[in-house]
Structures are given as C-alpha cells and as structure tokens.
Amino acid sequence: MSDQDSPAAPADLWTAVDGLWAWLEAGRPPGGREGLLLRILKLSEEVGEVAQAVIGATGQNPRKGVTHTWADVEAELCDVVITALVALRTLTPEAREVFAGHLARVVDRSLPR
C-alpha cells in the first residue's frame, strides 16, 4: 500500500486516543467503576486475539492449519496498543504525561548509557 492509498492518520497519537476515548465514552452504557474495569478487561480480549493470530500464522492448530498472516499479528498488536492507551486515558485525563513519565523510567533503567 502506498502512502497515497493509506488512510489519513490523526496528526497526533494522543489526539487520536482522546478521540477514541470520547467516542467510547459517548456510547458506554455502564459508567463509573464498572465501566472502567470493563474498559481495562478489553485489553485481555485483545491480547487473546494476538495469541490466536500467532497460532494461526504458525499453523499450530492441526485442525485449522494456517489461518492468519503475520500482517494479522501486526494488526492485533496495534489493537493491543490502542486499547491500552485508551484504557489509560479512561483511568486518567493525564494519560499522555503518565505514559511519557513511565516510558522515560523504563528507558532509563533498561538502556545502557
């Protein structure tokens, strides 16, 4: 797919996350703590879809054979990231700052200097 064929992406990751969060909030029947917990549990569902895609891409289910591609795995991993960021945004309006601070700590303790 060329750049001309790809859909327009939001200019900013966090603008997209805020937009998805607002869209989900507008249609979310359970609110409060239950809604928050359900939003976080959605992440488990998405991780399961990654596992399913890996199993399908490697043909590990002898009954089904190869049912997915590595592009499917990539897409499912992207869904995990998006779901996690939206869940973080649901937990706190300062999601951008919380994530940036946490990422900085992980990089600081993990990457050699």
C-alpha atoms as a PDB file:
ATOM      1  CA  MET A   1       0.000   0.000   0.000  1.00  0.00           C
ATOM      2  CA  SER A   2       1.495   3.335  -0.973  1.00  0.00           C
ATOM      3  CA  ASP A   3       1.303   6.492   1.128  1.00  0.00           C
ATOM      4  CA  GLN A   4      -1.333   7.764  -1.295  1.00  0.00           C
ATOM      5  CA  ASP A   5      -3.520   4.697  -0.663  1.00  0.00           C
ATOM      6  CA  SER A   6      -3.231   4.682   3.126  1.00  0.00           C
ATOM      7  CA  PRO A   7      -5.989   6.233   5.216  1.00  0.00           C
ATOM      8  CA  ALA A   8      -5.321   9.598   6.780  1.00  0.00           C
ATOM      9  CA  ALA A   9      -3.918   9.174  10.267  1.00  0.00           C
ATOM     10  CA  PRO A  10      -4.530  11.690  13.017  1.00  0.00           C
ATOM     11  CA  ALA A  11      -1.706  14.173  13.269  1.00  0.00           C
ATOM     12  CA  ASP A  12      -1.029  13.201  16.850  1.00  0.00           C
ATOM     13  CA  LEU A  13      -1.231   9.886  18.687  1.00  0.00           C
ATOM     14  CA  TRP A  14      -2.805  11.449  21.758  1.00  0.00           C
ATOM     15  CA  THR A  15      -5.364  13.374  19.699  1.00  0.00           C
ATOM     16  CA  ALA A  16      -6.430  10.023  18.250  1.00  0.00           C
ATOM     17  CA  VAL A  17      -6.513   8.400  21.697  1.00  0.00           C
ATOM     18  CA  ASP A  18      -8.619  11.262  23.074  1.00  0.00           C
ATOM     19  CA  GLY A  19     -10.977  10.974  20.104  1.00  0.00           C
ATOM     20  CA  LEU A  20     -11.403   7.229  20.553  1.00  0.00           C
ATOM     21  CA  TRP A  21     -11.888   7.684  24.283  1.00  0.00           C
ATOM     22  CA  ALA A  22     -14.599  10.336  23.710  1.00  0.00           C
ATOM     23  CA  TRP A  23     -16.337   8.127  21.140  1.00  0.00           C
ATOM     24  CA  LEU A  24     -16.330   5.162  23.524  1.00  0.00           C
ATOM     25  CA  GLU A  25     -17.481   7.296  26.459  1.00  0.00           C
ATOM     26  CA  ALA A  26     -20.450   8.578  24.458  1.00  0.00           C
ATOM     27  CA  GLY A  27     -21.668   5.044  23.802  1.00  0.00           C
ATOM     28  CA  ARG A  28     -20.660   3.357  27.040  1.00  0.00           C
ATOM     29  CA  PRO A  29     -23.697   2.020  28.901  1.00  0.00           C
ATOM     30  CA  PRO A  30     -22.016   1.097  32.197  1.00  0.00           C
ATOM     31  CA  GLY A  31     -20.237   4.028  33.719  1.00  0.00           C
ATOM     32  CA  GLY A  32     -18.276   4.543  36.876  1.00  0.00           C
ATOM     33  CA  ARG A  33     -16.038   1.877  38.291  1.00  0.00           C
ATOM     34  CA  GLU A  34     -17.738  -0.948  36.363  1.00  0.00           C
ATOM     35  CA  GLY A  35     -17.203   0.834  33.051  1.00  0.00           C
ATOM     36  CA  LEU A  36     -13.566   1.490  33.909  1.00  0.00           C
ATOM     37  CA  LEU A  37     -12.982  -2.163  34.801  1.00  0.00           C
ATOM     38  CA  LEU A  38     -14.669  -3.357  31.608  1.00  0.00           C
ATOM     39  CA  ARG A  39     -12.528  -0.985  29.548  1.00  0.00           C
ATOM     40  CA  ILE A  40      -9.391  -2.405  31.169  1.00  0.00           C
ATOM     41  CA  LEU A  41     -10.594  -6.007  30.723  1.00  0.00           C
ATOM     42  CA  LYS A  42     -10.973  -5.324  26.990  1.00  0.00           C
ATOM     43  CA  LEU A  43      -7.188  -5.430  26.904  1.00  0.00           C
ATOM     44  CA  SER A  44      -7.250  -9.146  27.822  1.00  0.00           C
ATOM     45  CA  GLU A  45      -9.554  -9.819  24.900  1.00  0.00           C
ATOM     46  CA  GLU A  46      -7.194  -8.042  22.514  1.00  0.00           C
ATOM     47  CA  VAL A  47      -4.153  -9.940  23.840  1.00  0.00           C
ATOM     48  CA  GLY A  48      -6.066 -13.174  23.247  1.00  0.00           C
ATOM     49  CA  GLU A  49      -6.594 -12.115  19.648  1.00  0.00           C
ATOM     50  CA  VAL A  50      -2.824 -11.670  19.277  1.00  0.00           C
ATOM     51  CA  ALA A  51      -2.324 -15.216  20.557  1.00  0.00           C
ATOM     52  CA  GLN A  52      -4.973 -16.514  18.164  1.00  0.00           C
ATOM     53  CA  ALA A  53      -3.289 -14.741  15.236  1.00  0.00           C
ATOM     54  CA  VAL A  54       0.162 -16.120  16.157  1.00  0.00           C
ATOM     55  CA  ILE A  55      -1.250 -19.633  16.436  1.00  0.00           C
ATOM     56  CA  GLY A  56      -2.981 -19.132  13.101  1.00  0.00           C
ATOM     57  CA  ALA A  57       0.101 -17.668  11.413  1.00  0.00           C
ATOM     58  CA  THR A  58       2.253 -20.583  12.523  1.00  0.00           C
ATOM     59  CA  GLY A  59      -0.351 -23.263  11.820  1.00  0.00           C
ATOM     60  CA  GLN A  60      -0.143 -24.598  15.363  1.00  0.00           C
ATOM     61  CA  ASN A  61      -3.737 -25.806  15.415  1.00  0.00           C
ATOM     62  CA  PRO A  62      -3.671 -29.024  13.372  1.00  0.00           C
ATOM     63  CA  ARG A  63      -7.433 -28.887  12.942  1.00  0.00           C
ATOM     64  CA  LYS A  64      -7.306 -25.460  11.283  1.00  0.00           C
ATOM     65  CA  GLY A  65      -3.813 -25.138   9.804  1.00  0.00           C
ATOM     66  CA  VAL A  66      -2.588 -21.700   8.750  1.00  0.00           C
ATOM     67  CA  THR A  67      -5.460 -19.254   9.230  1.00  0.00           C
ATOM     68  CA  HIS A  68      -3.668 -15.924   9.736  1.00  0.00           C
ATOM     69  CA  THR A  69      -0.741 -13.953   8.348  1.00  0.00           C
ATOM     70  CA  TRP A  70       1.999 -12.059  10.145  1.00  0.00           C
ATOM     71  CA  ALA A  71       0.224  -8.902   8.965  1.00  0.00           C
ATOM     72  CA  ASP A  72      -2.761 -10.105  11.034  1.00  0.00           C
ATOM     73  CA  VAL A  73      -0.437 -10.410  14.047  1.00  0.00           C
ATOM     74  CA  GLU A  74       0.817  -6.861  13.443  1.00  0.00           C
ATOM     75  CA  ALA A  75      -2.754  -5.556  13.299  1.00  0.00           C
ATOM     76  CA  GLU A  76      -3.693  -7.367  16.506  1.00  0.00           C
ATOM     77  CA  LEU A  77      -0.626  -5.966  18.283  1.00  0.00           C
ATOM     78  CA  CYS A  78      -1.671  -2.488  17.165  1.00  0.00           C
ATOM     79  CA  ASP A  79      -5.135  -3.152  18.623  1.00  0.00           C
ATOM     80  CA  VAL A  80      -3.484  -4.068  21.950  1.00  0.00           C
ATOM     81  CA  VAL A  81      -1.525  -0.810  21.995  1.00  0.00           C
ATOM     82  CA  ILE A  82      -4.571   1.286  21.080  1.00  0.00           C
ATOM     83  CA  THR A  83      -6.744  -0.476  23.653  1.00  0.00           C
ATOM     84  CA  ALA A  84      -4.109   0.008  26.359  1.00  0.00           C
ATOM     85  CA  LEU A  85      -3.732   3.714  25.609  1.00  0.00           C
ATOM     86  CA  VAL A  86      -7.494   4.246  25.591  1.00  0.00           C
ATOM     87  CA  ALA A  87      -7.769   2.331  28.886  1.00  0.00           C
ATOM     88  CA  LEU A  88      -5.050   4.545  30.361  1.00  0.00           C
ATOM     89  CA  ARG A  89      -6.942   7.617  29.107  1.00  0.00           C
ATOM     90  CA  THR A  90     -10.084   6.251  30.757  1.00  0.00           C
ATOM     91  CA  LEU A  91      -8.203   5.951  34.033  1.00  0.00           C
ATOM     92  CA  THR A  92      -6.674   9.430  33.906  1.00  0.00           C
ATOM     93  CA  PRO A  93      -7.035  12.566  31.782  1.00  0.00           C
ATOM     94  CA  GLU A  94      -3.250  12.960  32.179  1.00  0.00           C
ATOM     95  CA  ALA A  95      -2.590   9.761  30.189  1.00  0.00           C
ATOM     96  CA  ARG A  96      -0.008  11.458  27.972  1.00  0.00           C
ATOM     97  CA  GLU A  97       2.066  12.622  30.924  1.00  0.00           C
ATOM     98  CA  VAL A  98       1.667   9.348  32.834  1.00  0.00           C
ATOM     99  CA  PHE A  99       2.783   7.350  29.804  1.00  0.00           C
ATOM    100  CA  ALA A 100       5.710   9.659  28.991  1.00  0.00           C
ATOM    101  CA  GLY A 101       6.948   9.513  32.578  1.00  0.00           C
ATOM    102  CA  HIS A 102       6.667   5.744  32.746  1.00  0.00           C
ATOM    103  CA  LEU A 103       8.362   5.285  29.376  1.00  0.00           C
ATOM    104  CA  ALA A 104      11.223   7.525  30.496  1.00  0.00           C
ATOM    105  CA  ARG A 105      11.696   5.412  33.656  1.00  0.00           C
ATOM    106  CA  VAL A 106      11.690   2.157  31.653  1.00  0.00           C
ATOM    107  CA  VAL A 107      14.183   3.552  29.143  1.00  0.00           C
ATOM    108  CA  ASP A 108      16.383   4.906  31.945  1.00  0.00           C
ATOM    109  CA  ARG A 109      16.586   1.554  33.736  1.00  0.00           C
ATOM    110  CA  SER A 110      16.798  -0.577  30.596  1.00  0.00           C
ATOM    111  CA  LEU A 111      19.010   1.085  28.007  1.00  0.00           C
ATOM    112  CA  PRO A 112      22.764   1.380  28.519  1.00  0.00           C
ATOM    113  CA  ARG A 113      24.192   4.825  28.924  1.00  0.00           C
END
